[in-house]
Amino acid sequence: MTAVTLAGPRRLILAGALVTVSGLAVAATAPIVGTGVAERIESQQSAGGLLVVAGWALLAFGIHRFGRER
């Protein structure tokens, strides 16, 4: 019997989920259009979007490696 460890694909899946959630949090906390400086709003939403896409990429790669491992 082996212990479940956070190695390899599982670590990538966890990292992808955390990066995705943090990207959603960054984008969701951007001020509403018209209530703040437009450049700040756009840059915060863009940064959040990039984090979400990076998280999806990590998730996809981790799921791919997890499937190939089995």
N, C-alpha and C. Protein backbone atom coordinates (compact mmCIF):
# COMPACT_ATOMS: atom_id res chain seq x y z
N MET A 1 0.85 -1.18 0.00
CA MET A 1 0.00 0.00 0.00
C MET A 1 0.90 1.24 0.00
N THR A 2 0.58 2.19 -0.86
CA THR A 2 1.39 3.41 -0.94
C THR A 2 0.60 4.60 -0.43
N ALA A 3 1.31 5.51 0.13
CA ALA A 3 0.68 6.75 0.62
C ALA A 3 0.49 7.71 -0.54
N VAL A 4 -0.59 8.46 -0.50
CA VAL A 4 -0.85 9.45 -1.53
C VAL A 4 0.05 10.65 -1.28
N THR A 5 0.85 10.99 -2.27
CA THR A 5 1.74 12.14 -2.14
C THR A 5 1.40 13.16 -3.21
N LEU A 6 1.79 14.37 -2.98
CA LEU A 6 1.59 15.43 -3.96
C LEU A 6 2.81 15.51 -4.86
N ALA A 7 2.99 14.51 -5.67
CA ALA A 7 4.14 14.47 -6.57
C ALA A 7 3.66 14.41 -8.00
N GLY A 8 4.44 14.98 -8.89
CA GLY A 8 4.17 14.90 -10.31
C GLY A 8 2.87 15.55 -10.74
N PRO A 9 2.01 14.78 -11.42
CA PRO A 9 0.79 15.35 -11.98
C PRO A 9 -0.16 15.93 -10.94
N ARG A 10 -0.22 15.31 -9.79
CA ARG A 10 -1.12 15.83 -8.74
C ARG A 10 -0.69 17.23 -8.31
N ARG A 11 0.59 17.45 -8.25
CA ARG A 11 1.11 18.78 -7.88
C ARG A 11 0.76 19.80 -8.96
N LEU A 12 0.84 19.39 -10.23
CA LEU A 12 0.47 20.31 -11.32
C LEU A 12 -1.01 20.64 -11.28
N ILE A 13 -1.85 19.65 -11.00
CA ILE A 13 -3.29 19.89 -10.92
C ILE A 13 -3.60 20.85 -9.77
N LEU A 14 -2.97 20.63 -8.63
CA LEU A 14 -3.18 21.52 -7.48
C LEU A 14 -2.70 22.93 -7.79
N ALA A 15 -1.53 23.04 -8.39
CA ALA A 15 -0.98 24.36 -8.73
C ALA A 15 -1.89 25.06 -9.75
N GLY A 16 -2.39 24.32 -10.73
CA GLY A 16 -3.29 24.91 -11.72
C GLY A 16 -4.57 25.42 -11.09
N ALA A 17 -5.11 24.65 -10.16
CA ALA A 17 -6.34 25.08 -9.48
C ALA A 17 -6.09 26.34 -8.66
N LEU A 18 -4.96 26.38 -7.95
CA LEU A 18 -4.65 27.55 -7.12
C LEU A 18 -4.39 28.80 -7.97
N VAL A 19 -3.68 28.63 -9.08
CA VAL A 19 -3.40 29.78 -9.95
C VAL A 19 -4.70 30.28 -10.58
N THR A 20 -5.59 29.36 -10.97
CA THR A 20 -6.87 29.75 -11.55
C THR A 20 -7.71 30.52 -10.54
N VAL A 21 -7.77 30.03 -9.32
CA VAL A 21 -8.56 30.71 -8.28
C VAL A 21 -7.97 32.08 -7.98
N SER A 22 -6.65 32.18 -7.93
CA SER A 22 -6.05 33.49 -7.65
C SER A 22 -6.30 34.46 -8.80
N GLY A 23 -6.28 33.97 -10.04
CA GLY A 23 -6.59 34.83 -11.18
C GLY A 23 -8.03 35.33 -11.15
N LEU A 24 -8.94 34.43 -10.78
CA LEU A 24 -10.33 34.85 -10.65
C LEU A 24 -10.50 35.89 -9.54
N ALA A 25 -9.77 35.72 -8.45
CA ALA A 25 -9.85 36.67 -7.34
C ALA A 25 -9.31 38.04 -7.76
N VAL A 26 -8.21 38.06 -8.49
CA VAL A 26 -7.63 39.32 -8.94
C VAL A 26 -8.59 40.04 -9.88
N ALA A 27 -9.15 39.30 -10.84
CA ALA A 27 -10.07 39.92 -11.80
C ALA A 27 -11.37 40.36 -11.13
N ALA A 28 -11.84 39.59 -10.17
CA ALA A 28 -13.11 39.90 -9.52
C ALA A 28 -13.02 41.11 -8.60
N THR A 29 -11.84 41.40 -8.09
CA THR A 29 -11.70 42.53 -7.17
C THR A 29 -11.34 43.83 -7.89
N ALA A 30 -11.32 43.81 -9.22
CA ALA A 30 -11.07 45.04 -9.97
C ALA A 30 -12.26 45.99 -9.76
N PRO A 31 -11.98 47.27 -9.67
CA PRO A 31 -13.08 48.23 -9.50
C PRO A 31 -14.04 48.19 -10.69
N ILE A 32 -15.24 48.61 -10.46
CA ILE A 32 -16.25 48.66 -11.52
C ILE A 32 -15.88 49.79 -12.47
N VAL A 33 -16.09 49.55 -13.75
CA VAL A 33 -15.77 50.56 -14.77
C VAL A 33 -16.53 51.85 -14.44
N GLY A 34 -15.81 52.95 -14.43
CA GLY A 34 -16.42 54.25 -14.14
C GLY A 34 -16.21 54.70 -12.70
N THR A 35 -15.70 53.80 -11.85
CA THR A 35 -15.50 54.18 -10.45
C THR A 35 -14.04 54.35 -10.09
N GLY A 36 -13.16 54.02 -11.00
CA GLY A 36 -11.73 54.14 -10.71
C GLY A 36 -10.98 54.54 -11.96
N VAL A 37 -9.68 54.55 -11.84
CA VAL A 37 -8.81 54.90 -12.96
C VAL A 37 -8.90 53.78 -14.00
N ALA A 38 -9.18 54.13 -15.23
CA ALA A 38 -9.41 53.14 -16.29
C ALA A 38 -8.20 52.24 -16.52
N GLU A 39 -6.99 52.81 -16.44
CA GLU A 39 -5.79 52.02 -16.67
C GLU A 39 -5.63 50.94 -15.60
N ARG A 40 -5.95 51.29 -14.37
CA ARG A 40 -5.84 50.33 -13.26
C ARG A 40 -6.85 49.21 -13.44
N ILE A 41 -8.06 49.56 -13.81
CA ILE A 41 -9.10 48.56 -13.99
C ILE A 41 -8.70 47.59 -15.09
N GLU A 42 -8.28 48.13 -16.23
CA GLU A 42 -7.91 47.29 -17.36
C GLU A 42 -6.71 46.40 -17.04
N SER A 43 -5.71 46.97 -16.38
CA SER A 43 -4.52 46.17 -16.07
C SER A 43 -4.83 45.08 -15.04
N GLN A 44 -5.68 45.37 -14.07
CA GLN A 44 -6.02 44.36 -13.07
C GLN A 44 -6.85 43.24 -13.70
N GLN A 45 -7.78 43.58 -14.56
CA GLN A 45 -8.57 42.55 -15.23
C GLN A 45 -7.71 41.72 -16.18
N SER A 46 -6.77 42.37 -16.86
CA SER A 46 -5.87 41.65 -17.76
C SER A 46 -4.96 40.71 -16.99
N ALA A 47 -4.42 41.17 -15.87
CA ALA A 47 -3.56 40.32 -15.05
C ALA A 47 -4.33 39.11 -14.52
N GLY A 48 -5.55 39.35 -14.08
CA GLY A 48 -6.38 38.24 -13.61
C GLY A 48 -6.67 37.25 -14.73
N GLY A 49 -6.95 37.76 -15.91
CA GLY A 49 -7.20 36.88 -17.05
C GLY A 49 -5.99 36.06 -17.43
N LEU A 50 -4.81 36.66 -17.39
CA LEU A 50 -3.59 35.91 -17.69
C LEU A 50 -3.34 34.82 -16.66
N LEU A 51 -3.61 35.12 -15.39
CA LEU A 51 -3.46 34.09 -14.36
C LEU A 51 -4.45 32.95 -14.57
N VAL A 52 -5.65 33.25 -14.96
CA VAL A 52 -6.65 32.21 -15.21
C VAL A 52 -6.19 31.31 -16.36
N VAL A 53 -5.71 31.91 -17.45
CA VAL A 53 -5.26 31.12 -18.59
C VAL A 53 -4.04 30.27 -18.22
N ALA A 54 -3.13 30.84 -17.44
CA ALA A 54 -1.97 30.07 -16.99
C ALA A 54 -2.41 28.91 -16.09
N GLY A 55 -3.38 29.15 -15.25
CA GLY A 55 -3.91 28.08 -14.40
C GLY A 55 -4.55 26.98 -15.21
N TRP A 56 -5.29 27.36 -16.25
CA TRP A 56 -5.90 26.35 -17.12
C TRP A 56 -4.83 25.51 -17.82
N ALA A 57 -3.76 26.17 -18.24
CA ALA A 57 -2.67 25.44 -18.90
C ALA A 57 -2.03 24.43 -17.94
N LEU A 58 -1.80 24.85 -16.71
CA LEU A 58 -1.25 23.93 -15.71
C LEU A 58 -2.21 22.78 -15.44
N LEU A 59 -3.50 23.08 -15.33
CA LEU A 59 -4.50 22.03 -15.13
C LEU A 59 -4.50 21.05 -16.30
N ALA A 60 -4.49 21.55 -17.50
CA ALA A 60 -4.52 20.67 -18.67
C ALA A 60 -3.28 19.79 -18.73
N PHE A 61 -2.12 20.37 -18.47
CA PHE A 61 -0.89 19.58 -18.50
C PHE A 61 -0.87 18.55 -17.38
N GLY A 62 -1.33 18.94 -16.19
CA GLY A 62 -1.38 18.00 -15.07
C GLY A 62 -2.36 16.86 -15.33
N ILE A 63 -3.52 17.17 -15.90
CA ILE A 63 -4.50 16.12 -16.22
C ILE A 63 -3.94 15.20 -17.29
N HIS A 64 -3.26 15.76 -18.28
CA HIS A 64 -2.65 14.96 -19.33
C HIS A 64 -1.62 14.00 -18.74
N ARG A 65 -0.74 14.51 -17.88
CA ARG A 65 0.28 13.66 -17.28
C ARG A 65 -0.34 12.63 -16.34
N PHE A 66 -1.39 13.02 -15.64
CA PHE A 66 -2.07 12.09 -14.74
C PHE A 66 -2.68 10.93 -15.53
N GLY A 67 -3.28 11.23 -16.67
CA GLY A 67 -3.86 10.20 -17.51
C GLY A 67 -2.81 9.29 -18.11
N ARG A 68 -1.66 9.85 -18.48
CA ARG A 68 -0.59 9.04 -19.07
C ARG A 68 0.10 8.18 -18.02
N GLU A 69 0.04 8.59 -16.77
CA GLU A 69 0.69 7.86 -15.68
C GLU A 69 -0.03 6.54 -15.39
N ARG A 70 -1.32 6.54 -15.54
CA ARG A 70 -2.13 5.37 -15.19
C ARG A 70 -1.98 4.29 -16.17
